[in-house]
């Protein structure tokens, strides 16, 4: 499993899903797998906004200590681990 961190450009995108303005953490088999998870779980079948940053094999210690780390699920399982609520 590979951990990914995504940040999006929401310009022109109406109603960003709750909690996604800071970014999304997703674990999956590969890039295509995590994109599919994002489309199904976070963006509910809508087009993804522009991806402005993607980090593969993200070290979670690089993420925000004040908001992301205390509010995420375990990143070692397939699925969305930040923000919570999209499992």
PDB file of N, CA and C in Angstrom:
ATOM      1  N   UNK A   1       0.834  -1.182   0.000  1.00  0.00           N
ATOM      2  CA  UNK A   1       0.000   0.000   0.000  1.00  0.00           C
ATOM      3  C   UNK A   1       0.883   1.251   0.000  1.00  0.00           C
ATOM      4  N   UNK A   2       0.405   2.281  -0.674  1.00  0.00           N
ATOM      5  CA  UNK A   2       1.154   3.527  -0.809  1.00  0.00           C
ATOM      6  C   UNK A   2       0.304   4.676  -0.262  1.00  0.00           C
ATOM      7  N   UNK A   3       0.916   5.505   0.590  1.00  0.00           N
ATOM      8  CA  UNK A   3       0.255   6.698   1.136  1.00  0.00           C
ATOM      9  C   UNK A   3       0.452   7.872   0.177  1.00  0.00           C
ATOM     10  N   UNK A   4      -0.630   8.576  -0.096  1.00  0.00           N
ATOM     11  CA  UNK A   4      -0.581   9.770  -0.947  1.00  0.00           C
ATOM     12  C   UNK A   4      -1.187  10.945  -0.201  1.00  0.00           C
ATOM     13  N   UNK A   5      -0.655  12.134  -0.490  1.00  0.00           N
ATOM     14  CA  UNK A   5      -1.226  13.382  -0.009  1.00  0.00           C
ATOM     15  C   UNK A   5      -1.536  14.242  -1.225  1.00  0.00           C
ATOM     16  N   UNK A   6      -2.760  14.729  -1.306  1.00  0.00           N
ATOM     17  CA  UNK A   6      -3.208  15.565  -2.422  1.00  0.00           C
ATOM     18  C   UNK A   6      -3.628  16.933  -1.918  1.00  0.00           C
ATOM     19  N   UNK A   7      -3.311  17.957  -2.704  1.00  0.00           N
ATOM     20  CA  UNK A   7      -3.860  19.283  -2.490  1.00  0.00           C
ATOM     21  C   UNK A   7      -4.476  19.714  -3.807  1.00  0.00           C
ATOM     22  N   UNK A   8      -5.574  20.445  -3.705  1.00  0.00           N
ATOM     23  CA  UNK A   8      -6.381  20.776  -4.874  1.00  0.00           C
ATOM     24  C   UNK A   8      -6.495  22.275  -5.079  1.00  0.00           C
ATOM     25  N   UNK A   9      -6.684  22.664  -6.325  1.00  0.00           N
ATOM     26  CA  UNK A   9      -7.023  24.034  -6.681  1.00  0.00           C
ATOM     27  C   UNK A   9      -8.525  24.084  -6.884  1.00  0.00           C
ATOM     28  N   UNK A  10      -9.230  24.716  -5.978  1.00  0.00           N
ATOM     29  CA  UNK A  10     -10.687  24.718  -6.045  1.00  0.00           C
ATOM     30  C   UNK A  10     -11.266  25.902  -6.798  1.00  0.00           C
ATOM     31  N   UNK A  11     -10.434  26.705  -7.465  1.00  0.00           N
ATOM     32  CA  UNK A  11     -10.944  27.830  -8.234  1.00  0.00           C
ATOM     33  C   UNK A  11     -11.943  27.317  -9.271  1.00  0.00           C
ATOM     34  N   UNK A  12     -13.104  27.900  -9.302  1.00  0.00           N
ATOM     35  CA  UNK A  12     -14.117  27.510 -10.272  1.00  0.00           C
ATOM     36  C   UNK A  12     -14.824  26.215  -9.917  1.00  0.00           C
ATOM     37  N   UNK A  13     -14.520  25.638  -8.765  1.00  0.00           N
ATOM     38  CA  UNK A  13     -15.149  24.391  -8.341  1.00  0.00           C
ATOM     39  C   UNK A  13     -16.161  24.745  -7.268  1.00  0.00           C
ATOM     40  N   UNK A  14     -17.409  24.431  -7.505  1.00  0.00           N
ATOM     41  CA  UNK A  14     -18.443  24.793  -6.531  1.00  0.00           C
ATOM     42  C   UNK A  14     -18.509  23.753  -5.415  1.00  0.00           C
ATOM     43  N   UNK A  15     -18.620  24.249  -4.194  1.00  0.00           N
ATOM     44  CA  UNK A  15     -18.827  23.398  -3.029  1.00  0.00           C
ATOM     45  C   UNK A  15     -17.766  22.308  -2.843  1.00  0.00           C
ATOM     46  N   UNK A  16     -16.592  22.721  -2.446  1.00  0.00           N
ATOM     47  CA  UNK A  16     -15.547  21.749  -2.127  1.00  0.00           C
ATOM     48  C   UNK A  16     -16.052  20.841  -1.015  1.00  0.00           C
ATOM     49  N   UNK A  17     -15.826  19.539  -1.113  1.00  0.00           N
ATOM     50  CA  UNK A  17     -16.275  18.621  -0.067  1.00  0.00           C
ATOM     51  C   UNK A  17     -15.699  19.011   1.295  1.00  0.00           C
ATOM     52  N   UNK A  18     -16.465  18.778   2.326  1.00  0.00           N
ATOM     53  CA  UNK A  18     -16.105  19.143   3.685  1.00  0.00           C
ATOM     54  C   UNK A  18     -14.702  18.652   4.049  1.00  0.00           C
ATOM     55  N   UNK A  19     -13.894  19.553   4.568  1.00  0.00           N
ATOM     56  CA  UNK A  19     -12.582  19.199   5.088  1.00  0.00           C
ATOM     57  C   UNK A  19     -11.470  19.046   4.082  1.00  0.00           C
ATOM     58  N   UNK A  20     -11.744  19.289   2.808  1.00  0.00           N
ATOM     59  CA  UNK A  20     -10.743  19.013   1.777  1.00  0.00           C
ATOM     60  C   UNK A  20      -9.879  20.212   1.394  1.00  0.00           C
ATOM     61  N   UNK A  21     -10.154  21.369   1.933  1.00  0.00           N
ATOM     62  CA  UNK A  21      -9.373  22.553   1.542  1.00  0.00           C
ATOM     63  C   UNK A  21      -7.914  22.443   1.961  1.00  0.00           C
ATOM     64  N   UNK A  22      -7.622  21.746   3.055  1.00  0.00           N
ATOM     65  CA  UNK A  22      -6.226  21.539   3.478  1.00  0.00           C
ATOM     66  C   UNK A  22      -5.551  20.463   2.635  1.00  0.00           C
ATOM     67  N   UNK A  23      -6.336  19.533   2.119  1.00  0.00           N
ATOM     68  CA  UNK A  23      -5.813  18.417   1.346  1.00  0.00           C
ATOM     69  C   UNK A  23      -6.510  17.129   1.722  1.00  0.00           C
ATOM     70  N   UNK A  24      -6.085  16.061   1.064  1.00  0.00           N
ATOM     71  CA  UNK A  24      -6.646  14.731   1.330  1.00  0.00           C
ATOM     72  C   UNK A  24      -5.513  13.727   1.408  1.00  0.00           C
ATOM     73  N   UNK A  25      -5.610  12.848   2.396  1.00  0.00           N
ATOM     74  CA  UNK A  25      -4.679  11.741   2.517  1.00  0.00           C
ATOM     75  C   UNK A  25      -5.394  10.457   2.171  1.00  0.00           C
ATOM     76  N   UNK A  26      -4.805   9.696   1.257  1.00  0.00           N
ATOM     77  CA  UNK A  26      -5.424   8.457   0.783  1.00  0.00           C
ATOM     78  C   UNK A  26      -4.339   7.394   0.632  1.00  0.00           C
ATOM     79  N   UNK A  27      -4.668   6.177   1.017  1.00  0.00           N
ATOM     80  CA  UNK A  27      -3.763   5.048   0.835  1.00  0.00           C
ATOM     81  C   UNK A  27      -4.403   4.071  -0.139  1.00  0.00           C
ATOM     82  N   UNK A  28      -3.592   3.560  -1.050  1.00  0.00           N
ATOM     83  CA  UNK A  28      -4.101   2.600  -2.017  1.00  0.00           C
ATOM     84  C   UNK A  28      -2.992   1.791  -2.643  1.00  0.00           C
ATOM     85  N   UNK A  29      -3.388   0.958  -3.574  1.00  0.00           N
ATOM     86  CA  UNK A  29      -2.466   0.051  -4.249  1.00  0.00           C
ATOM     87  C   UNK A  29      -1.493   0.816  -5.138  1.00  0.00           C
ATOM     88  N   UNK A  30      -2.011   1.842  -5.831  1.00  0.00           N
ATOM     89  CA  UNK A  30      -1.190   2.667  -6.723  1.00  0.00           C
ATOM     90  C   UNK A  30      -1.937   3.984  -6.973  1.00  0.00           C
ATOM     91  N   UNK A  31      -1.375   4.835  -7.799  1.00  0.00           N
ATOM     92  CA  UNK A  31      -1.960   6.147  -8.072  1.00  0.00           C
ATOM     93  C   UNK A  31      -3.382   6.027  -8.625  1.00  0.00           C
ATOM     94  N   UNK A  32      -3.575   5.153  -9.599  1.00  0.00           N
ATOM     95  CA  UNK A  32      -4.912   4.993 -10.195  1.00  0.00           C
ATOM     96  C   UNK A  32      -5.933   4.558  -9.151  1.00  0.00           C
ATOM     97  N   UNK A  33      -5.523   3.694  -8.239  1.00  0.00           N
ATOM     98  CA  UNK A  33      -6.407   3.228  -7.181  1.00  0.00           C
ATOM     99  C   UNK A  33      -6.833   4.380  -6.270  1.00  0.00           C
ATOM    100  N   UNK A  34      -5.885   5.219  -5.845  1.00  0.00           N
ATOM    101  CA  UNK A  34      -6.253   6.317  -4.944  1.00  0.00           C
ATOM    102  C   UNK A  34      -7.092   7.379  -5.655  1.00  0.00           C
ATOM    103  N   UNK A  35      -6.858   7.590  -6.924  1.00  0.00           N
ATOM    104  CA  UNK A  35      -7.700   8.523  -7.691  1.00  0.00           C
ATOM    105  C   UNK A  35      -9.132   7.997  -7.728  1.00  0.00           C
ATOM    106  N   UNK A  36      -9.294   6.706  -7.935  1.00  0.00           N
ATOM    107  CA  UNK A  36     -10.638   6.113  -7.941  1.00  0.00           C
ATOM    108  C   UNK A  36     -11.300   6.251  -6.578  1.00  0.00           C
ATOM    109  N   UNK A  37     -10.539   6.046  -5.506  1.00  0.00           N
ATOM    110  CA  UNK A  37     -11.074   6.227  -4.156  1.00  0.00           C
ATOM    111  C   UNK A  37     -11.526   7.668  -3.952  1.00  0.00           C
ATOM    112  N   UNK A  38     -10.697   8.628  -4.362  1.00  0.00           N
ATOM    113  CA  UNK A  38     -11.079  10.042  -4.243  1.00  0.00           C
ATOM    114  C   UNK A  38     -12.374  10.333  -5.000  1.00  0.00           C
ATOM    115  N   UNK A  39     -12.463   9.842  -6.232  1.00  0.00           N
ATOM    116  CA  UNK A  39     -13.659  10.091  -7.043  1.00  0.00           C
ATOM    117  C   UNK A  39     -14.903   9.501  -6.401  1.00  0.00           C
ATOM    118  N   UNK A  40     -14.800   8.281  -5.885  1.00  0.00           N
ATOM    119  CA  UNK A  40     -15.966   7.598  -5.319  1.00  0.00           C
ATOM    120  C   UNK A  40     -16.329   8.094  -3.925  1.00  0.00           C
ATOM    121  N   UNK A  41     -15.340   8.225  -3.059  1.00  0.00           N
ATOM    122  CA  UNK A  41     -15.614   8.496  -1.646  1.00  0.00           C
ATOM    123  C   UNK A  41     -15.684   9.986  -1.309  1.00  0.00           C
ATOM    124  N   UNK A  42     -14.792  10.773  -1.855  1.00  0.00           N
ATOM    125  CA  UNK A  42     -14.715  12.187  -1.470  1.00  0.00           C
ATOM    126  C   UNK A  42     -15.530  13.069  -2.407  1.00  0.00           C
ATOM    127  N   UNK A  43     -15.380  12.872  -3.699  1.00  0.00           N
ATOM    128  CA  UNK A  43     -16.022  13.761  -4.664  1.00  0.00           C
ATOM    129  C   UNK A  43     -17.305  13.170  -5.248  1.00  0.00           C
ATOM    130  N   UNK A  44     -17.727  12.042  -4.733  1.00  0.00           N
ATOM    131  CA  UNK A  44     -19.030  11.428  -5.048  1.00  0.00           C
ATOM    132  C   UNK A  44     -19.351  11.382  -6.538  1.00  0.00           C
ATOM    133  N   UNK A  45     -18.406  10.921  -7.330  1.00  0.00           N
ATOM    134  CA  UNK A  45     -18.635  10.763  -8.752  1.00  0.00           C
ATOM    135  C   UNK A  45     -18.482  12.029  -9.576  1.00  0.00           C
ATOM    136  N   UNK A  46     -18.233  13.169  -8.941  1.00  0.00           N
ATOM    137  CA  UNK A  46     -18.011  14.419  -9.681  1.00  0.00           C
ATOM    138  C   UNK A  46     -16.583  14.433 -10.209  1.00  0.00           C
ATOM    139  N   UNK A  47     -16.338  15.340 -11.147  1.00  0.00           N
ATOM    140  CA  UNK A  47     -14.972  15.519 -11.623  1.00  0.00           C
ATOM    141  C   UNK A  47     -14.100  16.012 -10.481  1.00  0.00           C
ATOM    142  N   UNK A  48     -12.862  15.545 -10.454  1.00  0.00           N
ATOM    143  CA  UNK A  48     -11.918  16.044  -9.459  1.00  0.00           C
ATOM    144  C   UNK A  48     -11.526  17.469  -9.815  1.00  0.00           C
ATOM    145  N   UNK A  49     -11.300  18.303  -8.797  1.00  0.00           N
ATOM    146  CA  UNK A  49     -10.728  19.613  -9.098  1.00  0.00           C
ATOM    147  C   UNK A  49      -9.280  19.430  -9.540  1.00  0.00           C
ATOM    148  N   UNK A  50      -8.684  20.495  -9.982  1.00  0.00           N
ATOM    149  CA  UNK A  50      -7.285  20.437 -10.407  1.00  0.00           C
ATOM    150  C   UNK A  50      -6.409  20.005  -9.221  1.00  0.00           C
ATOM    151  N   UNK A  51      -5.565  19.010  -9.447  1.00  0.00           N
ATOM    152  CA  UNK A  51      -4.619  18.566  -8.425  1.00  0.00           C
ATOM    153  C   UNK A  51      -3.387  19.457  -8.547  1.00  0.00           C
ATOM    154  N   UNK A  52      -3.088  20.198  -7.472  1.00  0.00           N
ATOM    155  CA  UNK A  52      -1.946  21.114  -7.524  1.00  0.00           C
ATOM    156  C   UNK A  52      -0.716  20.539  -6.825  1.00  0.00           C
ATOM    157  N   UNK A  53      -0.918  19.491  -6.018  1.00  0.00           N
ATOM    158  CA  UNK A  53       0.203  18.843  -5.343  1.00  0.00           C
ATOM    159  C   UNK A  53      -0.159  17.403  -5.071  1.00  0.00           C
ATOM    160  N   UNK A  54       0.766  16.518  -5.359  1.00  0.00           N
ATOM    161  CA  UNK A  54       0.611  15.112  -4.978  1.00  0.00           C
ATOM    162  C   UNK A  54       1.954  14.633  -4.450  1.00  0.00           C
ATOM    163  N   UNK A  55       1.924  14.006  -3.284  1.00  0.00           N
ATOM    164  CA  UNK A  55       3.127  13.432  -2.695  1.00  0.00           C
ATOM    165  C   UNK A  55       2.889  11.946  -2.488  1.00  0.00           C
ATOM    166  N   UNK A  56       3.708  11.147  -3.140  1.00  0.00           N
ATOM    167  CA  UNK A  56       3.638   9.695  -3.002  1.00  0.00           C
ATOM    168  C   UNK A  56       4.540   9.282  -1.845  1.00  0.00           C
ATOM    169  N   UNK A  57       4.111   8.277  -1.084  1.00  0.00           N
ATOM    170  CA  UNK A  57       4.843   7.814   0.097  1.00  0.00           C
ATOM    171  C   UNK A  57       5.080   8.946   1.087  1.00  0.00           C
ATOM    172  N   UNK A  58       4.056   9.761   1.298  1.00  0.00           N
ATOM    173  CA  UNK A  58       4.167  10.902   2.199  1.00  0.00           C
ATOM    174  C   UNK A  58       4.554  10.438   3.604  1.00  0.00           C
ATOM    175  N   UNK A  59       5.504  11.125   4.181  1.00  0.00           N
ATOM    176  CA  UNK A  59       5.851  10.918   5.584  1.00  0.00           C
ATOM    177  C   UNK A  59       4.848  11.750   6.372  1.00  0.00           C
ATOM    178  N   UNK A  60       4.008  11.101   7.154  1.00  0.00           N
ATOM    179  CA  UNK A  60       2.949  11.856   7.832  1.00  0.00           C
ATOM    180  C   UNK A  60       3.492  12.916   8.774  1.00  0.00           C
ATOM    181  N   UNK A  61       4.735  12.804   9.175  1.00  0.00           N
ATOM    182  CA  UNK A  61       5.335  13.827  10.031  1.00  0.00           C
ATOM    183  C   UNK A  61       5.543  15.157   9.303  1.00  0.00           C
ATOM    184  N   UNK A  62       5.412  15.147   7.978  1.00  0.00           N
ATOM    185  CA  UNK A  62       5.495  16.381   7.187  1.00  0.00           C
ATOM    186  C   UNK A  62       4.184  17.168   7.232  1.00  0.00           C
ATOM    187  N   UNK A  63       3.114  16.519   7.674  1.00  0.00           N
ATOM    188  CA  UNK A  63       1.789  17.131   7.641  1.00  0.00           C
ATOM    189  C   UNK A  63       1.554  18.008   8.867  1.00  0.00           C
ATOM    190  N   UNK A  64       0.556  18.833   8.791  1.00  0.00           N
ATOM    191  CA  UNK A  64       0.236  19.808   9.827  1.00  0.00           C
ATOM    192  C   UNK A  64      -0.002  19.141  11.184  1.00  0.00           C
ATOM    193  N   UNK A  65       0.834  19.521  12.162  1.00  0.00           N
ATOM    194  CA  UNK A  65       0.743  18.957  13.512  1.00  0.00           C
ATOM    195  C   UNK A  65      -0.491  19.421  14.269  1.00  0.00           C
ATOM    196  N   UNK A  66      -0.996  20.590  13.932  1.00  0.00           N
ATOM    197  CA  UNK A  66      -2.108  21.157  14.677  1.00  0.00           C
ATOM    198  C   UNK A  66      -3.473  20.701  14.218  1.00  0.00           C
ATOM    199  N   UNK A  67      -3.577  20.289  12.957  1.00  0.00           N
ATOM    200  CA  UNK A  67      -4.898  19.931  12.454  1.00  0.00           C
ATOM    201  C   UNK A  67      -4.939  18.544  11.809  1.00  0.00           C
ATOM    202  N   UNK A  68      -4.011  18.257  10.912  1.00  0.00           N
ATOM    203  CA  UNK A  68      -4.077  16.989  10.184  1.00  0.00           C
ATOM    204  C   UNK A  68      -3.760  15.807  11.100  1.00  0.00           C
ATOM    205  N   UNK A  69      -2.604  15.828  11.739  1.00  0.00           N
ATOM    206  CA  UNK A  69      -2.179  14.666  12.534  1.00  0.00           C
ATOM    207  C   UNK A  69      -3.168  14.272  13.634  1.00  0.00           C
ATOM    208  N   UNK A  70      -3.712  15.221  14.392  1.00  0.00           N
ATOM    209  CA  UNK A  70      -4.648  14.789  15.433  1.00  0.00           C
ATOM    210  C   UNK A  70      -6.046  14.428  14.916  1.00  0.00           C
ATOM    211  N   UNK A  71      -6.293  14.634  13.633  1.00  0.00           N
ATOM    212  CA  UNK A  71      -7.634  14.410  13.075  1.00  0.00           C
ATOM    213  C   UNK A  71      -7.622  13.479  11.871  1.00  0.00           C
ATOM    214  N   UNK A  72      -6.803  12.454  11.936  1.00  0.00           N
ATOM    215  CA  UNK A  72      -6.723  11.519  10.812  1.00  0.00           C
ATOM    216  C   UNK A  72      -6.859  10.088  11.313  1.00  0.00           C
ATOM    217  N   UNK A  73      -7.231   9.226  10.399  1.00  0.00           N
ATOM    218  CA  UNK A  73      -7.274   7.801  10.678  1.00  0.00           C
ATOM    219  C   UNK A  73      -5.901   7.197  10.414  1.00  0.00           C
ATOM    220  N   UNK A  74      -5.736   5.939  10.743  1.00  0.00           N
ATOM    221  CA  UNK A  74      -4.471   5.243  10.477  1.00  0.00           C
ATOM    222  C   UNK A  74      -4.230   5.208   8.966  1.00  0.00           C
ATOM    223  N   UNK A  75      -3.062   5.660   8.513  1.00  0.00           N
ATOM    224  CA  UNK A  75      -2.801   5.732   7.072  1.00  0.00           C
ATOM    225  C   UNK A  75      -2.289   4.427   6.455  1.00  0.00           C
ATOM    226  N   UNK A  76      -2.324   3.340   7.206  1.00  0.00           N
ATOM    227  CA  UNK A  76      -1.794   2.081   6.683  1.00  0.00           C
ATOM    228  C   UNK A  76      -2.869   1.186   6.078  1.00  0.00           C
ATOM    229  N   UNK A  77      -4.100   1.665   6.037  1.00  0.00           N
ATOM    230  CA  UNK A  77      -5.193   0.894   5.432  1.00  0.00           C
ATOM    231  C   UNK A  77      -5.669   1.577   4.166  1.00  0.00           C
ATOM    232  N   UNK A  78      -6.150   0.790   3.226  1.00  0.00           N
ATOM    233  CA  UNK A  78      -6.647   1.333   1.964  1.00  0.00           C
ATOM    234  C   UNK A  78      -7.854   2.227   2.241  1.00  0.00           C
ATOM    235  N   UNK A  79      -7.788   3.445   1.711  1.00  0.00           N
ATOM    236  CA  UNK A  79      -8.899   4.371   1.828  1.00  0.00           C
ATOM    237  C   UNK A  79      -8.458   5.761   2.243  1.00  0.00           C
ATOM    238  N   UNK A  80      -9.440   6.610   2.488  1.00  0.00           N
ATOM    239  CA  UNK A  80      -9.200   8.004   2.864  1.00  0.00           C
ATOM    240  C   UNK A  80      -8.913   8.059   4.364  1.00  0.00           C
ATOM    241  N   UNK A  81      -7.791   8.665   4.728  1.00  0.00           N
ATOM    242  CA  UNK A  81      -7.445   8.815   6.143  1.00  0.00           C
ATOM    243  C   UNK A  81      -7.496  10.265   6.602  1.00  0.00           C
ATOM    244  N   UNK A  82      -7.535  11.193   5.680  1.00  0.00           N
ATOM    245  CA  UNK A  82      -7.780  12.599   6.007  1.00  0.00           C
ATOM    246  C   UNK A  82      -8.442  13.250   4.809  1.00  0.00           C
ATOM    247  N   UNK A  83      -9.515  13.986   5.038  1.00  0.00           N
ATOM    248  CA  UNK A  83     -10.211  14.193   6.300  1.00  0.00           C
ATOM    249  C   UNK A  83     -11.049  12.965   6.678  1.00  0.00           C
ATOM    250  N   UNK A  84     -11.398  12.899   7.943  1.00  0.00           N
ATOM    251  CA  UNK A  84     -12.223  11.811   8.438  1.00  0.00           C
ATOM    252  C   UNK A  84     -13.641  11.994   7.903  1.00  0.00           C
ATOM    253  N   UNK A  85     -14.306  10.882   7.648  1.00  0.00           N
ATOM    254  CA  UNK A  85     -15.701  10.927   7.217  1.00  0.00           C
ATOM    255  C   UNK A  85     -15.918  10.413   5.812  1.00  0.00           C
ATOM    256  N   UNK A  86     -14.862  10.012   5.138  1.00  0.00           N
ATOM    257  CA  UNK A  86     -14.988   9.539   3.749  1.00  0.00           C
ATOM    258  C   UNK A  86     -14.571   8.077   3.588  1.00  0.00           C
ATOM    259  N   UNK A  87     -14.597   7.317   4.699  1.00  0.00           N
ATOM    260  CA  UNK A  87     -14.207   5.924   4.604  1.00  0.00           C
ATOM    261  C   UNK A  87     -15.240   5.236   3.770  1.00  0.00           C
TER     262      UNK A  87
END
